[in-house]
C-alpha atoms as a PDB file:
ATOM      1  CA  MET A   1      -5.438 -21.492  13.635  1.00  0.00           C
ATOM      2  CA  GLN A   2      -6.981 -18.488  11.919  1.00  0.00           C
ATOM      3  CA  TYR A   3      -4.908 -15.350  11.591  1.00  0.00           C
ATOM      4  CA  ARG A   4      -6.377 -11.891  11.872  1.00  0.00           C
ATOM      5  CA  PRO A   5      -4.793  -9.474   9.384  1.00  0.00           C
ATOM      6  CA  ILE A   6      -6.164  -6.426  11.198  1.00  0.00           C
ATOM      7  CA  GLU A   7      -4.191  -7.390  14.303  1.00  0.00           C
ATOM      8  CA  TYR A   8      -0.978  -7.448  12.250  1.00  0.00           C
ATOM      9  CA  PHE A   9      -1.752  -4.000  10.839  1.00  0.00           C
ATOM     10  CA  GLN A  10      -2.426  -2.711  14.365  1.00  0.00           C
ATOM     11  CA  ARG A  11       0.861  -4.122  15.673  1.00  0.00           C
ATOM     12  CA  ALA A  12       2.728  -2.697  12.680  1.00  0.00           C
ATOM     13  CA  ASP A  13       1.114   0.700  13.215  1.00  0.00           C
ATOM     14  CA  GLU A  14       2.104   0.656  16.894  1.00  0.00           C
ATOM     15  CA  ALA A  15       5.708  -0.131  15.932  1.00  0.00           C
ATOM     16  CA  ALA A  16       5.692   2.693  13.365  1.00  0.00           C
ATOM     17  CA  LYS A  17       4.385   5.143  15.957  1.00  0.00           C
ATOM     18  CA  ARG A  18       7.277   4.144  18.237  1.00  0.00           C
ATOM     19  CA  GLY A  19       9.650   4.802  15.331  1.00  0.00           C
ATOM     20  CA  ASP A  20      10.608   1.118  15.181  1.00  0.00           C
ATOM     21  CA  LEU A  21      10.530   0.677  11.411  1.00  0.00           C
ATOM     22  CA  ASP A  22      12.425  -2.624  11.477  1.00  0.00           C
ATOM     23  CA  THR A  23       9.795  -4.217  13.736  1.00  0.00           C
ATOM     24  CA  GLU A  24       7.033  -2.731  11.583  1.00  0.00           C
ATOM     25  CA  ILE A  25       8.594  -4.302   8.495  1.00  0.00           C
ATOM     26  CA  ASP A  26       9.068  -7.680  10.222  1.00  0.00           C
ATOM     27  CA  ILE A  27       5.409  -7.770  11.320  1.00  0.00           C
ATOM     28  CA  LEU A  28       4.229  -6.848   7.829  1.00  0.00           C
ATOM     29  CA  LYS A  29       6.491  -9.416   6.177  1.00  0.00           C
ATOM     30  CA  GLU A  30       4.981 -12.055   8.456  1.00  0.00           C
ATOM     31  CA  LEU A  31       1.525 -10.908   7.351  1.00  0.00           C
ATOM     32  CA  VAL A  32       2.585 -11.091   3.696  1.00  0.00           C
ATOM     33  CA  SER A  33       3.725 -14.690   4.229  1.00  0.00           C
ATOM     34  CA  LEU A  34       0.436 -15.608   5.894  1.00  0.00           C
ATOM     35  CA  CYS A  35      -1.543 -13.954   3.094  1.00  0.00           C
ATOM     36  CA  GLN A  36       0.457 -15.890   0.505  1.00  0.00           C
ATOM     37  CA  LEU A  37      -0.167 -19.170   2.317  1.00  0.00           C
ATOM     38  CA  SER A  38      -3.889 -18.604   2.730  1.00  0.00           C
ATOM     39  CA  GLY A  39      -4.569 -16.893  -0.577  1.00  0.00           C
ATOM     40  CA  GLU A  40      -7.141 -14.717   1.157  1.00  0.00           C
ATOM     41  CA  PRO A  41      -7.840 -11.907   1.596  1.00  0.00           C
ATOM     42  CA  ALA A  42      -5.881 -10.570  -1.342  1.00  0.00           C
ATOM     43  CA  ASP A  43      -6.718  -6.955  -0.436  1.00  0.00           C
ATOM     44  CA  HIS A  44      -4.779  -7.396   2.795  1.00  0.00           C
ATOM     45  CA  PHE A  45      -1.867  -8.816   0.818  1.00  0.00           C
ATOM     46  CA  ALA A  46      -1.710  -5.697  -1.380  1.00  0.00           C
ATOM     47  CA  GLU A  47      -2.122  -3.415   1.624  1.00  0.00           C
ATOM     48  CA  ALA A  48       0.667  -5.147   3.562  1.00  0.00           C
ATOM     49  CA  LEU A  49       3.012  -4.822   0.580  1.00  0.00           C
ATOM     50  CA  ARG A  50       2.107  -1.133   0.318  1.00  0.00           C
ATOM     51  CA  TRP A  51       2.783  -0.565   4.007  1.00  0.00           C
ATOM     52  CA  ILE A  52       6.171  -2.262   3.706  1.00  0.00           C
ATOM     53  CA  GLY A  53       6.964   0.057   0.802  1.00  0.00           C
ATOM     54  CA  ASN A  54       6.020   3.057   2.918  1.00  0.00           C
ATOM     55  CA  ALA A  55       8.204   1.825   5.790  1.00  0.00           C
ATOM     56  CA  TYR A  56      11.168   1.475   3.446  1.00  0.00           C
ATOM     57  CA  GLN A  57      10.532   4.979   2.124  1.00  0.00           C
ATOM     58  CA  ALA A  58      10.581   6.218   5.736  1.00  0.00           C
ATOM     59  CA  LYS A  59      13.986   4.525   6.007  1.00  0.00           C
ATOM     60  CA  ASN A  60      15.060   6.379   2.825  1.00  0.00           C
ATOM     61  CA  ASN A  61      15.413   3.143   0.890  1.00  0.00           C
ATOM     62  CA  ILE A  62      13.502   4.262  -2.200  1.00  0.00           C
ATOM     63  CA  PRO A  63      14.487   1.362  -4.507  1.00  0.00           C
ATOM     64  CA  ARG A  64      13.233  -1.185  -1.975  1.00  0.00           C
ATOM     65  CA  ALA A  65      10.093   0.861  -1.297  1.00  0.00           C
ATOM     66  CA  HIS A  66       9.419   0.988  -5.023  1.00  0.00           C
ATOM     67  CA  SER A  67       9.844  -2.769  -5.442  1.00  0.00           C
ATOM     68  CA  TYR A  68       7.266  -3.511  -2.724  1.00  0.00           C
ATOM     69  CA  ARG A  69       4.875  -0.972  -4.211  1.00  0.00           C
ATOM     70  CA  LEU A  70       5.245  -2.613  -7.619  1.00  0.00           C
ATOM     71  CA  GLU A  71       4.277  -5.942  -6.052  1.00  0.00           C
ATOM     72  CA  ALA A  72       1.249  -4.309  -4.418  1.00  0.00           C
ATOM     73  CA  LEU A  73       0.271  -2.847  -7.792  1.00  0.00           C
ATOM     74  CA  LYS A  74       0.439  -6.304  -9.409  1.00  0.00           C
ATOM     75  CA  VAL A  75      -1.965  -7.664  -6.797  1.00  0.00           C
ATOM     76  CA  VAL A  76      -4.370  -4.737  -7.263  1.00  0.00           C
ATOM     77  CA  GLU A  77      -4.294  -5.147 -11.037  1.00  0.00           C
ATOM     78  CA  GLN A  78      -4.914  -8.903 -10.730  1.00  0.00           C
ATOM     79  CA  LEU A  79      -7.900  -8.264  -8.469  1.00  0.00           C
ATOM     80  CA  GLY A  80      -9.376  -5.668 -10.807  1.00  0.00           C
ATOM     81  CA  ASN A  81     -12.872  -4.654  -9.697  1.00  0.00           C
ATOM     82  CA  ARG A  82     -12.714  -7.089  -6.779  1.00  0.00           C
ATOM     83  CA  CYS A  83     -10.124  -4.893  -5.080  1.00  0.00           C
ATOM     84  CA  ASP A  84     -11.324  -2.549  -2.364  1.00  0.00           C
ATOM     85  CA  ASP A  85     -11.431   0.995  -3.785  1.00  0.00           C
ATOM     86  CA  TYR A  86      -9.583   2.498  -0.855  1.00  0.00           C
ATOM     87  CA  ILE A  87      -6.711   0.021  -1.152  1.00  0.00           C
ATOM     88  CA  ALA A  88      -6.490   0.479  -4.925  1.00  0.00           C
ATOM     89  CA  MET A  89      -6.480   4.267  -4.481  1.00  0.00           C
ATOM     90  CA  CYS A  90      -3.681   4.098  -1.918  1.00  0.00           C
ATOM     91  CA  VAL A  91      -1.592   1.691  -3.989  1.00  0.00           C
ATOM     92  CA  PHE A  92      -1.842   3.882  -7.092  1.00  0.00           C
ATOM     93  CA  GLY A  93      -1.118   6.983  -5.012  1.00  0.00           C
ATOM     94  CA  ASP A  94       1.953   5.427  -3.443  1.00  0.00           C
ATOM     95  CA  MET A  95       3.155   4.324  -6.877  1.00  0.00           C
ATOM     96  CA  GLY A  96       2.882   7.968  -7.895  1.00  0.00           C
ATOM     97  CA  ARG A  97       5.026   8.903  -4.884  1.00  0.00           C
ATOM     98  CA  SER A  98       7.601   6.278  -5.838  1.00  0.00           C
ATOM     99  CA  PHE A  99       7.844   7.534  -9.378  1.00  0.00           C
ATOM    100  CA  MET A 100       8.200  11.102  -8.070  1.00  0.00           C
ATOM    101  CA  GLU A 101      11.115   9.987  -5.894  1.00  0.00           C
ATOM    102  CA  LEU A 102      12.662   8.335  -8.955  1.00  0.00           C
ATOM    103  CA  ALA A 103      12.036  11.494 -11.039  1.00  0.00           C
ATOM    104  CA  GLU A 104       9.942   9.519 -13.534  1.00  0.00           C
ATOM    105  CA  TRP A 105       7.411  12.297 -13.914  1.00  0.00           C
ATOM    106  CA  GLN A 106       5.179  10.791 -16.590  1.00  0.00           C
ATOM    107  CA  GLU A 107       4.670   7.582 -14.606  1.00  0.00           C
ATOM    108  CA  ALA A 108       4.163   9.624 -11.439  1.00  0.00           C
ATOM    109  CA  GLU A 109       1.402  11.584 -13.120  1.00  0.00           C
ATOM    110  CA  VAL A 110      -0.305   8.492 -14.559  1.00  0.00           C
ATOM    111  CA  HIS A 111      -0.479   6.743 -11.192  1.00  0.00           C
ATOM    112  CA  THR A 112      -1.435   9.850  -9.236  1.00  0.00           C
ATOM    113  CA  ARG A 113      -4.225  10.603 -11.711  1.00  0.00           C
ATOM    114  CA  ARG A 114      -5.472   7.025 -11.336  1.00  0.00           C
ATOM    115  CA  ALA A 115      -5.540   7.453  -7.538  1.00  0.00           C
ATOM    116  CA  LEU A 116      -7.409  10.761  -7.958  1.00  0.00           C
ATOM    117  CA  SER A 117      -9.916   9.121 -10.291  1.00  0.00           C
ATOM    118  CA  ILE A 118     -10.656   6.440  -7.714  1.00  0.00           C
ATOM    119  CA  ALA A 119     -10.912   9.068  -4.962  1.00  0.00           C
ATOM    120  CA  GLU A 120     -13.424  11.045  -7.021  1.00  0.00           C
ATOM    121  CA  THR A 121     -15.682   8.036  -7.566  1.00  0.00           C
ATOM    122  CA  ARG A 122     -15.628   6.720  -3.994  1.00  0.00           C
ATOM    123  CA  GLN A 123     -18.977   6.971  -2.291  1.00  0.00           C
ATOM    124  CA  GLY A 124     -19.005   8.208   1.309  1.00  0.00           C
ATOM    125  CA  GLY A 125     -16.301   7.422   3.791  1.00  0.00           C
ATOM    126  CA  ASP A 126     -13.010   9.219   4.163  1.00  0.00           C
ATOM    127  CA  MET A 127     -12.542  11.843   1.464  1.00  0.00           C
ATOM    128  CA  SER A 128      -8.935  12.652   2.408  1.00  0.00           C
ATOM    129  CA  GLY A 129      -7.701  10.856  -0.702  1.00  0.00           C
ATOM    130  CA  LEU A 130      -9.473  13.419  -2.826  1.00  0.00           C
ATOM    131  CA  CYS A 131      -7.537  16.211  -1.119  1.00  0.00           C
ATOM    132  CA  ILE A 132      -4.224  14.353  -1.160  1.00  0.00           C
ATOM    133  CA  TYR A 133      -4.224  13.448  -4.834  1.00  0.00           C
ATOM    134  CA  ARG A 134      -5.494  16.807  -6.057  1.00  0.00           C
END
């Protein structure tokens, strides 16, 4: 049976919109497990980890949010140029947010600048990242 990562993201988003962060996290953790088992697509793996980090931040659990974001960053760094620009931009941006929450200003600036750099070089598409990271 083939799984469809987009369906998991849609279900997680619906749970988040209802304010059901625990269900959102459970759905995303299931997606992470499926991504690990299949090995593909790695971009979805990084994105799911990032979303889990954001859900934990919404629950005010910054240490747990940060740990999931660090895992997402490892995946993005392993992928290198093969990683989707949008996902890489978001992962670096969220790492910047994590470091801001932890008052590690130098690291926050490094990661936010990296997200801005990616946003500036993206061709077409949604330019909101450019506004956010500036």
